PDB file of N, CA and C in Angstrom:
ATOM      1  N   MET A   1      51.576  48.881 122.235  1.00  0.00           N
ATOM      2  CA  MET A   1      51.988  47.492 121.944  1.00  0.00           C
ATOM      3  C   MET A   1      50.763  46.784 121.718  1.00  0.00           C
ATOM      4  N   LYS A   2      51.045  46.188 119.854  1.00  0.00           N
ATOM      5  CA  LYS A   2      49.975  45.136 120.457  1.00  0.00           C
ATOM      6  C   LYS A   2      50.387  43.456 119.846  1.00  0.00           C
ATOM      7  N   PHE A   3      49.437  42.817 120.032  1.00  0.00           N
ATOM      8  CA  PHE A   3      49.554  42.057 119.896  1.00  0.00           C
ATOM      9  C   PHE A   3      48.803  41.031 118.825  1.00  0.00           C
ATOM     10  N   LEU A   4      50.008  40.117 118.307  1.00  0.00           N
ATOM     11  CA  LEU A   4      48.879  38.727 117.773  1.00  0.00           C
ATOM     12  C   LEU A   4      49.215  37.747 118.281  1.00  0.00           C
ATOM     13  N   VAL A   5      48.010  37.165 118.600  1.00  0.00           N
ATOM     14  CA  VAL A   5      48.089  35.928 119.577  1.00  0.00           C
ATOM     15  C   VAL A   5      48.628  34.189 118.718  1.00  0.00           C
ATOM     16  N   ASP A   6      48.830  33.731 118.533  1.00  0.00           N
ATOM     17  CA  ASP A   6      48.788  32.546 117.731  1.00  0.00           C
ATOM     18  C   ASP A   6      47.728  31.589 117.752  1.00  0.00           C
ATOM     19  N   ALA A   7      47.475  30.614 116.741  1.00  0.00           N
ATOM     20  CA  ALA A   7      46.322  29.260 117.012  1.00  0.00           C
ATOM     21  C   ALA A   7      46.668  28.412 118.719  1.00  0.00           C
ATOM     22  N   GLN A   8      47.499  28.590 119.116  1.00  0.00           N
ATOM     23  CA  GLN A   8      47.821  26.978 119.590  1.00  0.00           C
ATOM     24  C   GLN A   8      47.448  27.649 121.295  1.00  0.00           C
ATOM     25  N   LEU A   9      47.641  28.980 121.367  1.00  0.00           N
ATOM     26  CA  LEU A   9      47.181  29.343 122.353  1.00  0.00           C
ATOM     27  C   LEU A   9      45.642  29.888 122.722  1.00  0.00           C
ATOM     28  N   PRO A  10      45.323  29.947 124.082  1.00  0.00           N
ATOM     29  CA  PRO A  10      44.338  30.648 124.039  1.00  0.00           C
ATOM     30  C   PRO A  10      43.492  31.833 123.710  1.00  0.00           C
ATOM     31  N   VAL A  11      41.904  31.938 122.927  1.00  0.00           N
ATOM     32  CA  VAL A  11      42.076  33.556 122.535  1.00  0.00           C
ATOM     33  C   VAL A  11      41.759  33.801 124.198  1.00  0.00           C
ATOM     34  N   ARG A  12      41.605  33.572 125.354  1.00  0.00           N
ATOM     35  CA  ARG A  12      40.948  34.456 126.877  1.00  0.00           C
ATOM     36  C   ARG A  12      42.955  35.099 126.261  1.00  0.00           C
ATOM     37  N   LEU A  13      43.452  34.846 126.420  1.00  0.00           N
ATOM     38  CA  LEU A  13      45.186  35.138 126.125  1.00  0.00           C
ATOM     39  C   LEU A  13      44.426  36.545 125.391  1.00  0.00           C
ATOM     40  N   SER A  14      44.348  37.168 124.251  1.00  0.00           N
ATOM     41  CA  SER A  14      43.652  37.805 123.350  1.00  0.00           C
ATOM     42  C   SER A  14      43.282  38.951 124.340  1.00  0.00           C
ATOM     43  N   TYR A  15      42.007  38.197 124.849  1.00  0.00           N
ATOM     44  CA  TYR A  15      41.181  38.955 125.420  1.00  0.00           C
ATOM     45  C   TYR A  15      41.679  40.157 126.739  1.00  0.00           C
ATOM     46  N   LEU A  16      42.283  39.053 127.253  1.00  0.00           N
ATOM     47  CA  LEU A  16      43.050  39.456 128.400  1.00  0.00           C
ATOM     48  C   LEU A  16      44.335  40.783 128.360  1.00  0.00           C
ATOM     49  N   LEU A  17      44.741  40.590 127.515  1.00  0.00           N
ATOM     50  CA  LEU A  17      45.316  41.691 126.828  1.00  0.00           C
ATOM     51  C   LEU A  17      44.983  43.056 126.594  1.00  0.00           C
ATOM     52  N   LYS A  18      43.477  42.676 125.562  1.00  0.00           N
ATOM     53  CA  LYS A  18      42.784  43.426 125.115  1.00  0.00           C
ATOM     54  C   LYS A  18      42.019  44.269 126.926  1.00  0.00           C
ATOM     55  N   SER A  19      41.782  43.606 127.946  1.00  0.00           N
ATOM     56  CA  SER A  19      41.005  44.123 128.785  1.00  0.00           C
ATOM     57  C   SER A  19      42.492  44.515 130.079  1.00  0.00           C
ATOM     58  N   ILE A  20      43.608  44.952 129.477  1.00  0.00           N
ATOM     59  CA  ILE A  20      44.297  45.716 130.318  1.00  0.00           C
ATOM     60  C   ILE A  20      44.817  46.912 129.825  1.00  0.00           C
ATOM     61  N   GLY A  21      44.581  46.299 128.073  1.00  0.00           N
ATOM     62  CA  GLY A  21      44.324  48.310 127.687  1.00  0.00           C
ATOM     63  C   GLY A  21      44.763  47.923 126.092  1.00  0.00           C
ATOM     64  N   TYR A  22      46.128  46.721 125.783  1.00  0.00           N
ATOM     65  CA  TYR A  22      46.551  46.672 124.471  1.00  0.00           C
ATOM     66  C   TYR A  22      45.956  46.085 123.218  1.00  0.00           C
ATOM     67  N   ASP A  23      45.807  46.370 122.062  1.00  0.00           N
ATOM     68  CA  ASP A  23      45.489  46.001 120.715  1.00  0.00           C
ATOM     69  C   ASP A  23      46.158  44.711 120.675  1.00  0.00           C
ATOM     70  N   SER A  24      45.013  43.766 120.657  1.00  0.00           N
ATOM     71  CA  SER A  24      45.253  42.534 120.634  1.00  0.00           C
ATOM     72  C   SER A  24      44.421  41.399 119.675  1.00  0.00           C
ATOM     73  N   ILE A  25      44.560  40.234 118.952  1.00  0.00           N
ATOM     74  CA  ILE A  25      44.294  39.574 118.348  1.00  0.00           C
ATOM     75  C   ILE A  25      44.223  38.363 118.141  1.00  0.00           C
ATOM     76  N   HIS A  26      44.032  37.265 117.691  1.00  0.00           N
ATOM     77  CA  HIS A  26      43.783  35.987 117.914  1.00  0.00           C
ATOM     78  C   HIS A  26      43.951  35.911 116.974  1.00  0.00           C
ATOM     79  N   THR A  27      44.879  34.581 116.464  1.00  0.00           N
ATOM     80  CA  THR A  27      44.261  33.957 114.574  1.00  0.00           C
ATOM     81  C   THR A  27      43.297  33.654 114.247  1.00  0.00           C
ATOM     82  N   LYS A  28      42.173  33.176 115.697  1.00  0.00           N
ATOM     83  CA  LYS A  28      40.698  33.174 115.208  1.00  0.00           C
ATOM     84  C   LYS A  28      39.816  34.020 114.090  1.00  0.00           C
ATOM     85  N   GLU A  29      40.336  35.424 114.423  1.00  0.00           N
ATOM     86  CA  GLU A  29      39.747  36.891 114.118  1.00  0.00           C
ATOM     87  C   GLU A  29      40.526  37.241 112.793  1.00  0.00           C
ATOM     88  N   LEU A  30      41.988  36.307 112.004  1.00  0.00           N
ATOM     89  CA  LEU A  30      41.562  36.525 110.579  1.00  0.00           C
ATOM     90  C   LEU A  30      40.846  35.956 109.946  1.00  0.00           C
ATOM     91  N   THR A  31      40.822  36.259 108.812  1.00  0.00           N
ATOM     92  CA  THR A  31      40.069  35.609 107.391  1.00  0.00           C
ATOM     93  C   THR A  31      40.155  34.582 107.784  1.00  0.00           C
ATOM     94  N   LEU A  32      40.904  33.677 107.365  1.00  0.00           N
ATOM     95  CA  LEU A  32      41.306  32.029 107.207  1.00  0.00           C
ATOM     96  C   LEU A  32      41.288  31.397 108.604  1.00  0.00           C
ATOM     97  N   ARG A  33      40.671  32.263 109.619  1.00  0.00           N
ATOM     98  CA  ARG A  33      41.219  31.634 111.294  1.00  0.00           C
ATOM     99  C   ARG A  33      42.037  31.514 111.986  1.00  0.00           C
ATOM    100  N   ASN A  34      42.426  30.254 112.141  1.00  0.00           N
ATOM    101  CA  ASN A  34      43.463  29.489 112.526  1.00  0.00           C
ATOM    102  C   ASN A  34      44.112  28.647 111.711  1.00  0.00           C
ATOM    103  N   ALA A  35      43.661  28.712 110.071  1.00  0.00           N
ATOM    104  CA  ALA A  35      43.834  28.106 109.443  1.00  0.00           C
ATOM    105  C   ALA A  35      44.848  28.842 108.673  1.00  0.00           C
ATOM    106  N   THR A  36      45.501  30.393 109.272  1.00  0.00           N
ATOM    107  CA  THR A  36      46.156  31.012 108.591  1.00  0.00           C
ATOM    108  C   THR A  36      47.675  30.895 107.941  1.00  0.00           C
ATOM    109  N   PRO A  37      48.415  30.655 106.709  1.00  0.00           N
ATOM    110  CA  PRO A  37      50.073  30.189 107.260  1.00  0.00           C
ATOM    111  C   PRO A  37      50.089  31.050 107.999  1.00  0.00           C
ATOM    112  N   ASP A  38      52.148  30.276 108.135  1.00  0.00           N
ATOM    113  CA  ASP A  38      52.828  31.313 109.446  1.00  0.00           C
ATOM    114  C   ASP A  38      53.127  32.328 108.011  1.00  0.00           C
ATOM    115  N   THR A  39      53.562  32.192 106.887  1.00  0.00           N
ATOM    116  CA  THR A  39      53.694  33.063 106.146  1.00  0.00           C
ATOM    117  C   THR A  39      53.211  34.521 106.489  1.00  0.00           C
ATOM    118  N   THR A  40      51.139  34.467 106.691  1.00  0.00           N
ATOM    119  CA  THR A  40      50.829  35.343 107.082  1.00  0.00           C
ATOM    120  C   THR A  40      50.518  36.426 107.785  1.00  0.00           C
ATOM    121  N   ILE A  41      50.701  35.336 108.581  1.00  0.00           N
ATOM    122  CA  ILE A  41      50.571  35.542 109.604  1.00  0.00           C
ATOM    123  C   ILE A  41      51.915  36.554 109.986  1.00  0.00           C
ATOM    124  N   ASN A  42      53.209  36.108 109.812  1.00  0.00           N
ATOM    125  CA  ASN A  42      54.357  36.704 109.968  1.00  0.00           C
ATOM    126  C   ASN A  42      54.193  37.937 109.201  1.00  0.00           C
ATOM    127  N   LEU A  43      53.953  38.228 108.010  1.00  0.00           N
ATOM    128  CA  LEU A  43      53.306  39.776 106.618  1.00  0.00           C
ATOM    129  C   LEU A  43      52.619  40.273 107.962  1.00  0.00           C
ATOM    130  N   ILE A  44      50.844  39.507 108.433  1.00  0.00           N
ATOM    131  CA  ILE A  44      50.307  40.824 109.077  1.00  0.00           C
ATOM    132  C   ILE A  44      51.295  41.542 110.991  1.00  0.00           C
ATOM    133  N   SER A  45      52.171  40.445 111.437  1.00  0.00           N
ATOM    134  CA  SER A  45      52.888  40.842 112.310  1.00  0.00           C
ATOM    135  C   SER A  45      53.903  42.359 112.142  1.00  0.00           C
ATOM    136  N   ILE A  46      54.604  42.112 111.046  1.00  0.00           N
ATOM    137  CA  ILE A  46      55.503  42.921 109.904  1.00  0.00           C
ATOM    138  C   ILE A  46      54.764  44.830 110.207  1.00  0.00           C
ATOM    139  N   SER A  47      53.256  44.168 108.948  1.00  0.00           N
ATOM    140  CA  SER A  47      52.991  45.525 108.657  1.00  0.00           C
ATOM    141  C   SER A  47      52.297  46.170 109.568  1.00  0.00           C
ATOM    142  N   GLU A  48      51.763  45.630 110.262  1.00  0.00           N
ATOM    143  CA  GLU A  48      50.858  45.622 111.962  1.00  0.00           C
ATOM    144  C   GLU A  48      51.807  46.474 112.870  1.00  0.00           C
ATOM    145  N   GLN A  49      52.811  45.305 113.049  1.00  0.00           N
ATOM    146  CA  GLN A  49      53.835  46.401 113.995  1.00  0.00           C
ATOM    147  C   GLN A  49      53.449  45.573 115.503  1.00  0.00           C
ATOM    148  N   ARG A  50      52.950  44.147 115.061  1.00  0.00           N
ATOM    149  CA  ARG A  50      52.259  43.322 116.664  1.00  0.00           C
ATOM    150  C   ARG A  50      53.197  42.539 116.501  1.00  0.00           C
ATOM    151  N   ILE A  51      53.136  41.923 118.639  1.00  0.00           N
ATOM    152  CA  ILE A  51      54.597  40.962 119.084  1.00  0.00           C
ATOM    153  C   ILE A  51      53.493  39.891 118.908  1.00  0.00           C
ATOM    154  N   LEU A  52      54.538  38.821 117.962  1.00  0.00           N
ATOM    155  CA  LEU A  52      53.656  37.555 117.916  1.00  0.00           C
ATOM    156  C   LEU A  52      53.848  36.887 118.811  1.00  0.00           C
ATOM    157  N   ILE A  53      52.931  36.263 119.701  1.00  0.00           N
ATOM    158  CA  ILE A  53      52.937  35.310 120.648  1.00  0.00           C
ATOM    159  C   ILE A  53      52.365  33.953 120.623  1.00  0.00           C
ATOM    160  N   THR A  54      53.221  33.200 120.428  1.00  0.00           N
ATOM    161  CA  THR A  54      53.111  31.930 120.135  1.00  0.00           C
ATOM    162  C   THR A  54      53.915  30.675 120.997  1.00  0.00           C
ATOM    163  N   LYS A  55      53.363  30.081 120.458  1.00  0.00           N
ATOM    164  CA  LYS A  55      54.186  28.134 120.994  1.00  0.00           C
ATOM    165  C   LYS A  55      55.569  27.543 119.816  1.00  0.00           C
ATOM    166  N   ASP A  56      54.819  27.888 119.135  1.00  0.00           N
ATOM    167  CA  ASP A  56      55.643  27.082 117.460  1.00  0.00           C
ATOM    168  C   ASP A  56      56.771  27.761 117.665  1.00  0.00           C
ATOM    169  N   SER A  57      57.972  26.801 117.314  1.00  0.00           N
ATOM    170  CA  SER A  57      58.979  27.002 117.426  1.00  0.00           C
ATOM    171  C   SER A  57      59.208  27.389 116.167  1.00  0.00           C
ATOM    172  N   ASP A  58      58.325  27.054 115.012  1.00  0.00           N
ATOM    173  CA  ASP A  58      58.750  27.512 113.536  1.00  0.00           C
ATOM    174  C   ASP A  58      59.401  29.103 113.568  1.00  0.00           C
ATOM    175  N   PHE A  59      58.685  29.535 114.687  1.00  0.00           N
ATOM    176  CA  PHE A  59      58.379  30.785 114.228  1.00  0.00           C
ATOM    177  C   PHE A  59      59.884  31.725 114.507  1.00  0.00           C
ATOM    178  N   TRP A  60      60.578  31.161 115.716  1.00  0.00           N
ATOM    179  CA  TRP A  60      61.426  31.311 116.652  1.00  0.00           C
ATOM    180  C   TRP A  60      63.099  30.885 114.932  1.00  0.00           C
ATOM    181  N   ASP A  61      62.355  30.004 114.295  1.00  0.00           N
ATOM    182  CA  ASP A  61      63.322  29.852 112.991  1.00  0.00           C
ATOM    183  C   ASP A  61      63.418  30.722 112.192  1.00  0.00           C
ATOM    184  N   SER A  62      62.299  30.831 111.402  1.00  0.00           N
ATOM    185  CA  SER A  62      61.629  32.112 110.944  1.00  0.00           C
ATOM    186  C   SER A  62      62.341  33.741 111.904  1.00  0.00           C
ATOM    187  N   PHE A  63      62.028  33.934 113.101  1.00  0.00           N
ATOM    188  CA  PHE A  63      63.066  35.483 113.318  1.00  0.00           C
ATOM    189  C   PHE A  63      64.390  35.364 112.983  1.00  0.00           C
ATOM    190  N   TYR A  64      65.283  34.271 113.359  1.00  0.00           N
ATOM    191  CA  TYR A  64      66.416  34.062 113.161  1.00  0.00           C
ATOM    192  C   TYR A  64      66.981  33.997 111.658  1.00  0.00           C
ATOM    193  N   ILE A  65      66.486  33.284 110.979  1.00  0.00           N
ATOM    194  CA  ILE A  65      66.930  33.302 109.357  1.00  0.00           C
ATOM    195  C   ILE A  65      66.344  33.937 108.475  1.00  0.00           C
ATOM    196  N   GLN A  66      65.170  34.916 108.268  1.00  0.00           N
ATOM    197  CA  GLN A  66      64.521  35.600 108.319  1.00  0.00           C
ATOM    198  C   GLN A  66      63.780  36.971 108.843  1.00  0.00           C
ATOM    199  N   GLY A  67      64.401  37.505 109.750  1.00  0.00           N
ATOM    200  CA  GLY A  67      63.992  38.103 110.531  1.00  0.00           C
ATOM    201  C   GLY A  67      62.230  38.221 110.390  1.00  0.00           C
ATOM    202  N   GLN A  68      61.440  37.504 110.523  1.00  0.00           N
ATOM    203  CA  GLN A  68      60.471  38.063 110.465  1.00  0.00           C
ATOM    204  C   GLN A  68      59.676  36.810 111.772  1.00  0.00           C
ATOM    205  N   PRO A  69      58.563  37.185 112.603  1.00  0.00           N
ATOM    206  CA  PRO A  69      57.689  38.199 112.176  1.00  0.00           C
ATOM    207  C   PRO A  69      58.482  39.434 113.082  1.00  0.00           C
ATOM    208  N   TYR A  70      57.802  40.485 113.412  1.00  0.00           N
ATOM    209  CA  TYR A  70      58.444  42.154 113.966  1.00  0.00           C
ATOM    210  C   TYR A  70      58.867  41.627 114.813  1.00  0.00           C
ATOM    211  N   LYS A  71      58.674  41.437 116.179  1.00  0.00           N
ATOM    212  CA  LYS A  71      58.906  40.929 117.165  1.00  0.00           C
ATOM    213  C   LYS A  71      58.265  39.551 118.018  1.00  0.00           C
ATOM    214  N   LEU A  72      58.975  38.676 118.352  1.00  0.00           N
ATOM    215  CA  LEU A  72      58.226  37.519 119.455  1.00  0.00           C
ATOM    216  C   LEU A  72      58.852  37.560 120.203  1.00  0.00           C
ATOM    217  N   LEU A  73      57.300  36.361 120.550  1.00  0.00           N
ATOM    218  CA  LEU A  73      57.282  36.182 122.110  1.00  0.00           C
ATOM    219  C   LEU A  73      56.862  34.744 122.519  1.00  0.00           C
ATOM    220  N   LEU A  74      58.289  34.079 122.441  1.00  0.00           N
ATOM    221  CA  LEU A  74      57.876  32.352 122.673  1.00  0.00           C
ATOM    222  C   LEU A  74      57.394  31.995 124.093  1.00  0.00           C
ATOM    223  N   VAL A  75      56.158  31.490 123.938  1.00  0.00           N
ATOM    224  CA  VAL A  75      55.848  30.672 125.163  1.00  0.00           C
ATOM    225  C   VAL A  75      56.095  29.489 125.561  1.00  0.00           C
ATOM    226  N   THR A  76      57.284  28.826 126.623  1.00  0.00           N
ATOM    227  CA  THR A  76      57.631  27.375 126.338  1.00  0.00           C
ATOM    228  C   THR A  76      57.114  26.767 127.800  1.00  0.00           C
ATOM    229  N   THR A  77      55.850  27.523 128.301  1.00  0.00           N
ATOM    230  CA  THR A  77      55.733  26.645 129.147  1.00  0.00           C
ATOM    231  C   THR A  77      55.141  25.401 129.463  1.00  0.00           C
ATOM    232  N   GLY A  78      55.137  24.398 127.983  1.00  0.00           N
ATOM    233  CA  GLY A  78      54.094  22.885 127.789  1.00  0.00           C
ATOM    234  C   GLY A  78      53.199  23.381 128.211  1.00  0.00           C
ATOM    235  N   ASN A  79      51.828  22.506 128.510  1.00  0.00           N
ATOM    236  CA  ASN A  79      51.095  22.083 128.285  1.00  0.00           C
ATOM    237  C   ASN A  79      50.365  22.547 129.529  1.00  0.00           C
ATOM    238  N   ILE A  80      49.793  23.894 129.862  1.00  0.00           N
ATOM    239  CA  ILE A  80      49.448  23.945 131.747  1.00  0.00           C
ATOM    240  C   ILE A  80      47.652  24.551 130.838  1.00  0.00           C
ATOM    241  N   SER A  81      47.662  24.686 132.276  1.00  0.00           N
ATOM    242  CA  SER A  81      45.782  25.261 132.076  1.00  0.00           C
ATOM    243  C   SER A  81      46.078  26.563 131.779  1.00  0.00           C
ATOM    244  N   ASN A  82      44.980  26.795 130.803  1.00  0.00           N
ATOM    245  CA  ASN A  82      44.660  28.706 130.787  1.00  0.00           C
ATOM    246  C   ASN A  82      44.589  29.301 131.978  1.00  0.00           C
ATOM    247  N   LYS A  83      43.964  29.311 132.542  1.00  0.00           N
ATOM    248  CA  LYS A  83      44.044  29.689 134.020  1.00  0.00           C
ATOM    249  C   LYS A  83      45.643  29.804 133.990  1.00  0.00           C
ATOM    250  N   LYS A  84      46.417  28.936 134.129  1.00  0.00           N
ATOM    251  CA  LYS A  84      47.787  29.390 134.721  1.00  0.00           C
ATOM    252  C   LYS A  84      48.879  29.955 134.086  1.00  0.00           C
ATOM    253  N   LEU A  85      48.752  30.084 132.918  1.00  0.00           N
ATOM    254  CA  LEU A  85      48.537  30.519 131.391  1.00  0.00           C
ATOM    255  C   LEU A  85      48.354  31.890 131.894  1.00  0.00           C
ATOM    256  N   GLU A  86      47.363  32.609 132.281  1.00  0.00           N
ATOM    257  CA  GLU A  86      47.170  33.985 132.633  1.00  0.00           C
ATOM    258  C   GLU A  86      47.835  34.034 133.621  1.00  0.00           C
ATOM    259  N   VAL A  87      48.058  33.952 134.399  1.00  0.00           N
ATOM    260  CA  VAL A  87      48.260  33.661 135.736  1.00  0.00           C
ATOM    261  C   VAL A  87      50.015  34.554 135.396  1.00  0.00           C
ATOM    262  N   ILE A  88      50.224  33.482 134.772  1.00  0.00           N
ATOM    263  CA  ILE A  88      52.054  33.946 134.325  1.00  0.00           C
ATOM    264  C   ILE A  88      52.360  35.369 133.077  1.00  0.00           C
ATOM    265  N   PHE A  89      51.261  34.765 132.794  1.00  0.00           N
ATOM    266  CA  PHE A  89      51.030  36.266 131.913  1.00  0.00           C
ATOM    267  C   PHE A  89      50.714  37.355 133.058  1.00  0.00           C
ATOM    268  N   ILE A  90      49.862  37.552 133.550  1.00  0.00           N
ATOM    269  CA  ILE A  90      49.758  38.675 134.876  1.00  0.00           C
ATOM    270  C   ILE A  90      50.955  39.015 135.232  1.00  0.00           C
ATOM    271  N   LYS A  91      51.736  37.716 135.532  1.00  0.00           N
ATOM    272  CA  LYS A  91      52.882  38.312 136.914  1.00  0.00           C
ATOM    273  C   LYS A  91      53.916  39.006 135.571  1.00  0.00           C
ATOM    274  N   ASN A  92      53.928  38.621 134.431  1.00  0.00           N
ATOM    275  CA  ASN A  92      54.920  39.073 134.200  1.00  0.00           C
ATOM    276  C   ASN A  92      54.998  39.861 132.682  1.00  0.00           C
ATOM    277  N   LEU A  93      54.072  40.331 132.637  1.00  0.00           N
ATOM    278  CA  LEU A  93      53.590  41.700 131.237  1.00  0.00           C
ATOM    279  C   LEU A  93      54.460  42.873 131.937  1.00  0.00           C
ATOM    280  N   GLU A  94      53.896  42.789 132.820  1.00  0.00           N
ATOM    281  CA  GLU A  94      54.864  44.853 133.097  1.00  0.00           C
ATOM    282  C   GLU A  94      56.339  44.287 132.135  1.00  0.00           C
ATOM    283  N   LYS A  95      56.766  43.138 132.809  1.00  0.00           N
ATOM    284  CA  LYS A  95      58.827  43.405 132.522  1.00  0.00           C
ATOM    285  C   LYS A  95      59.109  42.232 131.214  1.00  0.00           C
ATOM    286  N   ILE A  96      57.729  42.169 130.399  1.00  0.00           N
ATOM    287  CA  ILE A  96      58.057  41.654 129.202  1.00  0.00           C
ATOM    288  C   ILE A  96      57.576  43.134 128.343  1.00  0.00           C
ATOM    289  N   ILE A  97      56.810  43.909 128.701  1.00  0.00           N
ATOM    290  CA  ILE A  97      56.349  45.332 127.605  1.00  0.00           C
ATOM    291  C   ILE A  97      58.046  45.818 127.654  1.00  0.00           C
ATOM    292  N   GLU A  98      58.176  45.828 129.614  1.00  0.00           N
ATOM    293  CA  GLU A  98      59.684  46.583 129.112  1.00  0.00           C
ATOM    294  C   GLU A  98      60.466  46.612 128.220  1.00  0.00           C
ATOM    295  N   LEU A  99      60.654  45.155 128.249  1.00  0.00           N
ATOM    296  CA  LEU A  99      62.101  44.342 127.588  1.00  0.00           C
ATOM    297  C   LEU A  99      61.742  44.537 125.864  1.00  0.00           C
ATOM    298  N   PHE A 100      60.535  44.439 125.990  1.00  0.00           N
ATOM    299  CA  PHE A 100      60.104  44.794 124.266  1.00  0.00           C
ATOM    300  C   PHE A 100      60.899  46.072 123.601  1.00  0.00           C
ATOM    301  N   GLU A 101      60.851  46.878 124.844  1.00  0.00           N
ATOM    302  CA  GLU A 101      61.455  48.535 124.295  1.00  0.00           C
ATOM    303  C   GLU A 101      62.886  48.500 123.811  1.00  0.00           C
ATOM    304  N   ASN A 102      63.930  47.388 124.214  1.00  0.00           N
ATOM    305  CA  ASN A 102      65.111  46.477 123.464  1.00  0.00           C
ATOM    306  C   ASN A 102      65.136  46.097 122.548  1.00  0.00           C
ATOM    307  N   TYR A 103      64.844  44.717 122.869  1.00  0.00           N
ATOM    308  CA  TYR A 103      65.004  43.132 122.206  1.00  0.00           C
ATOM    309  C   TYR A 103      63.249  42.951 121.715  1.00  0.00           C
ATOM    310  N   SER A 104      64.385  41.961 120.937  1.00  0.00           N
ATOM    311  CA  SER A 104      62.892  41.571 119.683  1.00  0.00           C
ATOM    312  C   SER A 104      62.645  40.417 119.897  1.00  0.00           C
ATOM    313  N   LEU A 105      63.496  39.954 120.394  1.00  0.00           N
ATOM    314  CA  LEU A 105      63.096  37.687 120.902  1.00  0.00           C
ATOM    315  C   LEU A 105      62.578  38.129 121.946  1.00  0.00           C
ATOM    316  N   ILE A 106      62.028  37.818 122.957  1.00  0.00           N
ATOM    317  CA  ILE A 106      61.924  37.238 123.953  1.00  0.00           C
ATOM    318  C   ILE A 106      60.661  35.657 124.236  1.00  0.00           C
ATOM    319  N   GLU A 107      61.615  34.934 125.484  1.00  0.00           N
ATOM    320  CA  GLU A 107      60.866  33.710 125.747  1.00  0.00           C
ATOM    321  C   GLU A 107      60.313  33.738 127.359  1.00  0.00           C
ATOM    322  N   ILE A 108      59.232  32.548 127.328  1.00  0.00           N
ATOM    323  CA  ILE A 108      58.578  33.077 128.324  1.00  0.00           C
ATOM    324  C   ILE A 108      58.169  31.503 128.723  1.00  0.00           C
ATOM    325  N   SER A 109      58.793  31.191 129.764  1.00  0.00           N
ATOM    326  CA  SER A 109      58.841  30.395 130.703  1.00  0.00           C
ATOM    327  C   SER A 109      57.795  30.036 132.178  1.00  0.00           C
ATOM    328  N   ARG A 110      57.525  28.603 132.612  1.00  0.00           N
ATOM    329  CA  ARG A 110      56.980  28.903 133.754  1.00  0.00           C
ATOM    330  C   ARG A 110      57.151  29.746 135.151  1.00  0.00           C
ATOM    331  N   ASP A 111      59.061  29.401 134.644  1.00  0.00           N
ATOM    332  CA  ASP A 111      60.040  30.467 135.626  1.00  0.00           C
ATOM    333  C   ASP A 111      60.303  31.533 135.488  1.00  0.00           C
ATOM    334  N   ALA A 112      60.378  31.952 134.135  1.00  0.00           N
ATOM    335  CA  ALA A 112      61.049  32.779 133.741  1.00  0.00           C
ATOM    336  C   ALA A 112      60.935  33.731 132.713  1.00  0.00           C
ATOM    337  N   VAL A 113      61.380  34.781 132.513  1.00  0.00           N
ATOM    338  CA  VAL A 113      61.295  35.775 131.067  1.00  0.00           C
ATOM    339  C   VAL A 113      62.849  35.650 130.706  1.00  0.00           C
ATOM    340  N   ILE A 114      63.054  34.901 129.284  1.00  0.00           N
ATOM    341  CA  ILE A 114      64.719  34.878 128.944  1.00  0.00           C
ATOM    342  C   ILE A 114      64.798  36.057 127.569  1.00  0.00           C
ATOM    343  N   VAL A 115      65.640  36.843 127.664  1.00  0.00           N
ATOM    344  CA  VAL A 115      66.272  37.595 126.398  1.00  0.00           C
ATOM    345  C   VAL A 115      66.784  36.828 125.573  1.00  0.00           C
ATOM    346  N   HIS A 116      66.332  36.475 124.029  1.00  0.00           N
ATOM    347  CA  HIS A 116      67.269  36.294 123.354  1.00  0.00           C
ATOM    348  C   HIS A 116      67.480  37.393 122.621  1.00  0.00           C
ATOM    349  N   GLN A 117      69.584  37.312 122.061  1.00  0.00           N
ATOM    350  CA  GLN A 117      69.405  38.336 121.061  1.00  0.00           C
ATOM    351  C   GLN A 117      70.967  37.501 119.658  1.00  0.00           C
TER     352      GLN A 117
END
């Protein structure tokens, strides 16, 4: 499973996913870095079959309207520390991976992992 971590999320999240063995890139690693347009992020997600991890609700809209990105993990934790975000991901990652086998739109909050269809 491959991931693309969007600009509003810390690079540390991408490093965490890599340390667990997943193929993960952060938008800072792209040519235009965090200035990469959403349309380009969607195209990368689709062409490389990467699950986009973002806080940006614009991707929620583009997923429903255009079917882009490839798959989407919307982070709705609000503003929290990077450490707390990492704890939430570590706690829920196995479940998220399992859900992405059958679903394309998942939301993660401080308290829950929610599947949207």
